[in-house]
Amino acid sequence: MEKSVEKKLDKLDLDLRNLLTDLDGYSEQTLNRKPDESSWSVFQIMTHLILAEGGSVKYVQKKLSFNPELKTAGAASKARSVLVNAYLSSPLKRKAPDAIAGENLPEYTTFWDVAKRWKGQREELRIYLTELPTDLFDKDLYKHPFAGKMTLEEMLAFFQKHYNRQKKQIYRTLKKLDAVKI
């Protein structure tokens, strides 16, 4: 695995550990509560992130399962990555794809289930990326649902920006709930 990819994974894992440590001080009731009917609970936001990351990796795994001919990434791939990450840094909103929203988000879950699932998925991602041949890391291998084809490193950059955006939503949700740690 390329050092730049490993560094991005390390940052994602550190951010996840810090978030879980911080949220561990809130009751499960609070983390399952929606501020209003049209909003998501903290656990639903976290599940959205888990589903988005997991779906992305499944796409890559499926694509590689039939030994496709892959193009080397170029300026267009970088531009798509910059575009999606700029959008995620903006206040603009877009409806999430059904596969990672709505009925696919739990009405109730536990801190343990969310933490275990997300950490396990990240561990599997690290193992998977470690086992991939290095020549795949400069290929247009990942396909973002809105932005299009990107490299694996650009996929991880998307994960980071998406996480950063949703982390803000988590803390806005806690503020709307007037949540306090127990």
C-alpha atoms as a PDB file:
ATOM      1  CA  MET A   1       0.000   0.000   0.000  1.00  0.00           C
ATOM      2  CA  GLU A   2       1.255   3.464  -0.849  1.00  0.00           C
ATOM      3  CA  LYS A   3       2.351   5.634   2.088  1.00  0.00           C
ATOM      4  CA  SER A   4      -0.072   8.404   1.096  1.00  0.00           C
ATOM      5  CA  VAL A   5      -2.962   5.917   1.212  1.00  0.00           C
ATOM      6  CA  GLU A   6      -1.821   4.557   4.561  1.00  0.00           C
ATOM      7  CA  LYS A   7      -1.605   8.112   5.910  1.00  0.00           C
ATOM      8  CA  LYS A   8      -5.199   8.810   4.812  1.00  0.00           C
ATOM      9  CA  LEU A   9      -6.382   5.577   6.468  1.00  0.00           C
ATOM     10  CA  ASP A  10      -4.539   6.482   9.666  1.00  0.00           C
ATOM     11  CA  LYS A  11      -6.254   9.904   9.725  1.00  0.00           C
ATOM     12  CA  LEU A  12      -9.680   8.335   9.149  1.00  0.00           C
ATOM     13  CA  ASP A  13      -9.075   5.836  11.956  1.00  0.00           C
ATOM     14  CA  LEU A  14      -7.856   8.541  14.352  1.00  0.00           C
ATOM     15  CA  ASP A  15     -10.910  10.688  13.616  1.00  0.00           C
ATOM     16  CA  LEU A  16     -13.200   7.704  14.190  1.00  0.00           C
ATOM     17  CA  ARG A  17     -11.546   6.883  17.519  1.00  0.00           C
ATOM     18  CA  ASN A  18     -11.856  10.510  18.632  1.00  0.00           C
ATOM     19  CA  LEU A  19     -15.529  10.684  17.627  1.00  0.00           C
ATOM     20  CA  LEU A  20     -16.376   7.437  19.405  1.00  0.00           C
ATOM     21  CA  THR A  21     -14.529   8.587  22.524  1.00  0.00           C
ATOM     22  CA  ASP A  22     -16.434  11.869  22.535  1.00  0.00           C
ATOM     23  CA  LEU A  23     -19.844  10.333  21.871  1.00  0.00           C
ATOM     24  CA  ASP A  24     -19.357   7.641  24.502  1.00  0.00           C
ATOM     25  CA  GLY A  25     -20.366  10.253  27.083  1.00  0.00           C
ATOM     26  CA  TYR A  26     -23.930  10.554  25.729  1.00  0.00           C
ATOM     27  CA  SER A  27     -26.806   8.213  26.462  1.00  0.00           C
ATOM     28  CA  GLU A  28     -27.957   5.825  23.740  1.00  0.00           C
ATOM     29  CA  GLN A  29     -31.397   7.397  24.048  1.00  0.00           C
ATOM     30  CA  THR A  30     -29.917  10.778  23.103  1.00  0.00           C
ATOM     31  CA  LEU A  31     -27.871   9.350  20.229  1.00  0.00           C
ATOM     32  CA  ASN A  32     -30.992   7.618  18.845  1.00  0.00           C
ATOM     33  CA  ARG A  33     -33.231  10.713  19.101  1.00  0.00           C
ATOM     34  CA  LYS A  34     -34.015  12.870  16.078  1.00  0.00           C
ATOM     35  CA  PRO A  35     -34.260  16.621  16.623  1.00  0.00           C
ATOM     36  CA  ASP A  36     -37.333  16.619  14.347  1.00  0.00           C
ATOM     37  CA  GLU A  37     -39.116  14.231  11.979  1.00  0.00           C
ATOM     38  CA  SER A  38     -37.193  15.303   8.883  1.00  0.00           C
ATOM     39  CA  SER A  39     -33.745  14.987  10.500  1.00  0.00           C
ATOM     40  CA  TRP A  40     -31.526  12.039  11.327  1.00  0.00           C
ATOM     41  CA  SER A  41     -30.371  10.957  14.761  1.00  0.00           C
ATOM     42  CA  VAL A  42     -26.649  10.856  15.567  1.00  0.00           C
ATOM     43  CA  PHE A  43     -26.638   7.073  15.094  1.00  0.00           C
ATOM     44  CA  GLN A  44     -28.426   7.453  11.757  1.00  0.00           C
ATOM     45  CA  ILE A  45     -25.780   9.935  10.598  1.00  0.00           C
ATOM     46  CA  MET A  46     -23.066   7.512  11.660  1.00  0.00           C
ATOM     47  CA  THR A  47     -24.812   4.613   9.922  1.00  0.00           C
ATOM     48  CA  HIS A  48     -25.073   6.745   6.784  1.00  0.00           C
ATOM     49  CA  LEU A  49     -21.277   7.119   6.848  1.00  0.00           C
ATOM     50  CA  ILE A  50     -20.788   3.386   7.452  1.00  0.00           C
ATOM     51  CA  LEU A  51     -23.067   2.533   4.522  1.00  0.00           C
ATOM     52  CA  ALA A  52     -21.383   5.065   2.220  1.00  0.00           C
ATOM     53  CA  GLU A  53     -17.898   3.769   2.969  1.00  0.00           C
ATOM     54  CA  GLY A  54     -18.970   0.123   2.836  1.00  0.00           C
ATOM     55  CA  GLY A  55     -20.811   0.577  -0.443  1.00  0.00           C
ATOM     56  CA  SER A  56     -17.794   2.274  -1.967  1.00  0.00           C
ATOM     57  CA  VAL A  57     -15.508  -0.595  -1.035  1.00  0.00           C
ATOM     58  CA  LYS A  58     -18.022  -3.175  -2.289  1.00  0.00           C
ATOM     59  CA  TYR A  59     -18.094  -1.355  -5.619  1.00  0.00           C
ATOM     60  CA  VAL A  60     -14.298  -1.598  -5.900  1.00  0.00           C
ATOM     61  CA  GLN A  61     -14.311  -5.268  -4.889  1.00  0.00           C
ATOM     62  CA  LYS A  62     -17.013  -6.132  -7.404  1.00  0.00           C
ATOM     63  CA  LYS A  63     -15.265  -4.222 -10.166  1.00  0.00           C
ATOM     64  CA  LEU A  64     -11.998  -6.022  -9.533  1.00  0.00           C
ATOM     65  CA  SER A  65     -13.737  -9.409  -9.344  1.00  0.00           C
ATOM     66  CA  PHE A  66     -14.096  -9.597 -13.122  1.00  0.00           C
ATOM     67  CA  ASN A  67     -10.523  -8.464 -13.887  1.00  0.00           C
ATOM     68  CA  PRO A  68     -11.456  -5.324 -15.851  1.00  0.00           C
ATOM     69  CA  GLU A  69      -9.193  -3.302 -18.053  1.00  0.00           C
ATOM     70  CA  LEU A  70      -8.569  -0.159 -16.011  1.00  0.00           C
ATOM     71  CA  LYS A  71      -7.514   3.249 -17.244  1.00  0.00           C
ATOM     72  CA  THR A  72      -4.751   5.163 -15.542  1.00  0.00           C
ATOM     73  CA  ALA A  73      -6.201   8.123 -13.697  1.00  0.00           C
ATOM     74  CA  GLY A  74      -5.448  11.566 -15.015  1.00  0.00           C
ATOM     75  CA  ALA A  75      -6.455  15.175 -14.688  1.00  0.00           C
ATOM     76  CA  ALA A  76     -10.168  14.386 -15.089  1.00  0.00           C
ATOM     77  CA  SER A  77     -10.090  12.044 -12.100  1.00  0.00           C
ATOM     78  CA  LYS A  78      -8.342  14.672  -9.990  1.00  0.00           C
ATOM     79  CA  ALA A  79     -10.853  17.312 -11.114  1.00  0.00           C
ATOM     80  CA  ARG A  80     -13.780  15.065 -10.131  1.00  0.00           C
ATOM     81  CA  SER A  81     -12.203  14.499  -6.726  1.00  0.00           C
ATOM     82  CA  VAL A  82     -11.633  18.224  -6.203  1.00  0.00           C
ATOM     83  CA  LEU A  83     -15.218  18.927  -7.271  1.00  0.00           C
ATOM     84  CA  VAL A  84     -16.846  16.445  -4.901  1.00  0.00           C
ATOM     85  CA  ASN A  85     -14.622  17.506  -2.014  1.00  0.00           C
ATOM     86  CA  ALA A  86     -15.353  21.194  -2.664  1.00  0.00           C
ATOM     87  CA  TYR A  87     -19.063  20.406  -2.609  1.00  0.00           C
ATOM     88  CA  LEU A  88     -18.659  18.571   0.713  1.00  0.00           C
ATOM     89  CA  SER A  89     -16.913  21.627   2.155  1.00  0.00           C
ATOM     90  CA  SER A  90     -19.764  23.897   1.042  1.00  0.00           C
ATOM     91  CA  PRO A  91     -23.115  24.513   2.743  1.00  0.00           C
ATOM     92  CA  LEU A  92     -24.958  23.099  -0.288  1.00  0.00           C
ATOM     93  CA  LYS A  93     -27.169  20.076   0.370  1.00  0.00           C
ATOM     94  CA  ARG A  94     -28.002  17.110  -1.814  1.00  0.00           C
ATOM     95  CA  LYS A  95     -30.348  14.243  -1.023  1.00  0.00           C
ATOM     96  CA  ALA A  96     -28.391  11.123  -0.125  1.00  0.00           C
ATOM     97  CA  PRO A  97     -28.847   8.076  -2.372  1.00  0.00           C
ATOM     98  CA  ASP A  98     -31.572   5.720  -1.110  1.00  0.00           C
ATOM     99  CA  ALA A  99     -29.059   2.941  -0.424  1.00  0.00           C
ATOM    100  CA  ILE A 100     -27.434   5.039   2.318  1.00  0.00           C
ATOM    101  CA  ALA A 101     -30.482   6.869   3.647  1.00  0.00           C
ATOM    102  CA  GLY A 102     -34.142   6.472   4.563  1.00  0.00           C
ATOM    103  CA  GLU A 103     -35.217   2.953   5.412  1.00  0.00           C
ATOM    104  CA  ASN A 104     -31.607   1.758   5.478  1.00  0.00           C
ATOM    105  CA  LEU A 105     -30.962   3.828   8.606  1.00  0.00           C
ATOM    106  CA  PRO A 106     -31.985   2.235  11.917  1.00  0.00           C
ATOM    107  CA  GLU A 107     -34.666   3.766  14.105  1.00  0.00           C
ATOM    108  CA  TYR A 108     -32.794   2.406  17.116  1.00  0.00           C
ATOM    109  CA  THR A 109     -29.335   0.939  17.612  1.00  0.00           C
ATOM    110  CA  THR A 110     -26.689   0.774  20.309  1.00  0.00           C
ATOM    111  CA  PHE A 111     -23.359   2.505  20.700  1.00  0.00           C
ATOM    112  CA  TRP A 112     -21.645  -0.886  20.762  1.00  0.00           C
ATOM    113  CA  ASP A 113     -23.247  -1.982  17.469  1.00  0.00           C
ATOM    114  CA  VAL A 114     -22.331   1.218  15.635  1.00  0.00           C
ATOM    115  CA  ALA A 115     -18.769   1.321  16.986  1.00  0.00           C
ATOM    116  CA  LYS A 116     -18.128  -2.378  16.330  1.00  0.00           C
ATOM    117  CA  ARG A 117     -19.522  -2.227  12.807  1.00  0.00           C
ATOM    118  CA  TRP A 118     -17.606   0.907  11.785  1.00  0.00           C
ATOM    119  CA  LYS A 119     -14.290  -0.144  13.338  1.00  0.00           C
ATOM    120  CA  GLY A 120     -14.600  -3.635  11.854  1.00  0.00           C
ATOM    121  CA  GLN A 121     -15.344  -2.228   8.425  1.00  0.00           C
ATOM    122  CA  ARG A 122     -12.311   0.047   8.638  1.00  0.00           C
ATOM    123  CA  GLU A 123     -10.079  -2.866   9.666  1.00  0.00           C
ATOM    124  CA  GLU A 124     -11.331  -4.855   6.669  1.00  0.00           C
ATOM    125  CA  LEU A 125     -10.668  -1.869   4.400  1.00  0.00           C
ATOM    126  CA  ARG A 126      -7.082  -1.588   5.651  1.00  0.00           C
ATOM    127  CA  ILE A 127      -6.444  -5.298   5.075  1.00  0.00           C
ATOM    128  CA  TYR A 128      -8.044  -5.146   1.638  1.00  0.00           C
ATOM    129  CA  LEU A 129      -5.999  -2.148   0.521  1.00  0.00           C
ATOM    130  CA  THR A 130      -2.807  -3.688   1.926  1.00  0.00           C
ATOM    131  CA  GLU A 131      -3.363  -6.821  -0.165  1.00  0.00           C
ATOM    132  CA  LEU A 132      -4.059  -4.984  -3.435  1.00  0.00           C
ATOM    133  CA  PRO A 133      -1.301  -4.806  -6.043  1.00  0.00           C
ATOM    134  CA  THR A 134       0.336  -1.377  -5.972  1.00  0.00           C
ATOM    135  CA  ASP A 135      -0.239  -0.846  -9.698  1.00  0.00           C
ATOM    136  CA  LEU A 136      -3.986  -0.466  -8.999  1.00  0.00           C
ATOM    137  CA  PHE A 137      -3.534   2.695  -6.948  1.00  0.00           C
ATOM    138  CA  ASP A 138      -3.095   4.958  -9.976  1.00  0.00           C
ATOM    139  CA  LYS A 139      -6.161   3.593 -11.784  1.00  0.00           C
ATOM    140  CA  ASP A 140      -9.697   4.991 -12.089  1.00  0.00           C
ATOM    141  CA  LEU A 141     -11.085   2.226  -9.915  1.00  0.00           C
ATOM    142  CA  TYR A 142     -13.666   3.846  -7.657  1.00  0.00           C
ATOM    143  CA  LYS A 143     -16.848   5.415  -8.990  1.00  0.00           C
ATOM    144  CA  HIS A 144     -18.493   8.063  -6.820  1.00  0.00           C
ATOM    145  CA  PRO A 145     -22.291   8.094  -7.371  1.00  0.00           C
ATOM    146  CA  PHE A 146     -22.352  11.781  -8.335  1.00  0.00           C
ATOM    147  CA  ALA A 147     -18.802  12.726  -9.304  1.00  0.00           C
ATOM    148  CA  GLY A 148     -17.654   9.682 -11.270  1.00  0.00           C
ATOM    149  CA  LYS A 149     -14.402   7.742 -11.487  1.00  0.00           C
ATOM    150  CA  MET A 150     -11.500   8.310  -9.094  1.00  0.00           C
ATOM    151  CA  THR A 151      -8.468   6.546  -7.673  1.00  0.00           C
ATOM    152  CA  LEU A 152      -8.473   4.656  -4.380  1.00  0.00           C
ATOM    153  CA  GLU A 153      -6.594   7.508  -2.723  1.00  0.00           C
ATOM    154  CA  GLU A 154      -9.226   9.954  -3.994  1.00  0.00           C
ATOM    155  CA  MET A 155     -11.898   7.618  -2.598  1.00  0.00           C
ATOM    156  CA  LEU A 156     -10.259   7.927   0.828  1.00  0.00           C
ATOM    157  CA  ALA A 157     -10.100  11.711   0.434  1.00  0.00           C
ATOM    158  CA  PHE A 158     -13.847  11.598  -0.253  1.00  0.00           C
ATOM    159  CA  PHE A 159     -14.347   9.483   2.890  1.00  0.00           C
ATOM    160  CA  GLN A 160     -12.489  12.140   4.897  1.00  0.00           C
ATOM    161  CA  LYS A 161     -14.444  15.096   3.511  1.00  0.00           C
ATOM    162  CA  HIS A 162     -17.736  13.212   3.887  1.00  0.00           C
ATOM    163  CA  TYR A 163     -16.826  12.340   7.473  1.00  0.00           C
ATOM    164  CA  ASN A 164     -15.900  15.969   8.221  1.00  0.00           C
ATOM    165  CA  ARG A 165     -19.222  17.200   6.854  1.00  0.00           C
ATOM    166  CA  GLN A 166     -21.282  14.628   8.732  1.00  0.00           C
ATOM    167  CA  LYS A 167     -19.336  15.186  11.952  1.00  0.00           C
ATOM    168  CA  LYS A 168     -20.533  18.797  11.869  1.00  0.00           C
ATOM    169  CA  GLN A 169     -24.074  17.469  11.403  1.00  0.00           C
ATOM    170  CA  ILE A 170     -23.619  15.173  14.411  1.00  0.00           C
ATOM    171  CA  TYR A 171     -22.680  18.101  16.643  1.00  0.00           C
ATOM    172  CA  ARG A 172     -25.476  20.297  15.251  1.00  0.00           C
ATOM    173  CA  THR A 173     -27.888  17.473  16.067  1.00  0.00           C
ATOM    174  CA  LEU A 174     -26.581  17.210  19.627  1.00  0.00           C
ATOM    175  CA  LYS A 175     -26.937  20.978  20.007  1.00  0.00           C
ATOM    176  CA  LYS A 176     -30.540  20.907  18.728  1.00  0.00           C
ATOM    177  CA  LEU A 177     -31.289  18.182  21.272  1.00  0.00           C
ATOM    178  CA  ASP A 178     -29.674  20.211  24.081  1.00  0.00           C
ATOM    179  CA  ALA A 179     -27.756  17.006  24.749  1.00  0.00           C
ATOM    180  CA  VAL A 180     -25.514  16.682  27.761  1.00  0.00           C
ATOM    181  CA  LYS A 181     -23.045  13.964  28.594  1.00  0.00           C
ATOM    182  CA  ILE A 182     -23.975  11.563  31.357  1.00  0.00           C
END
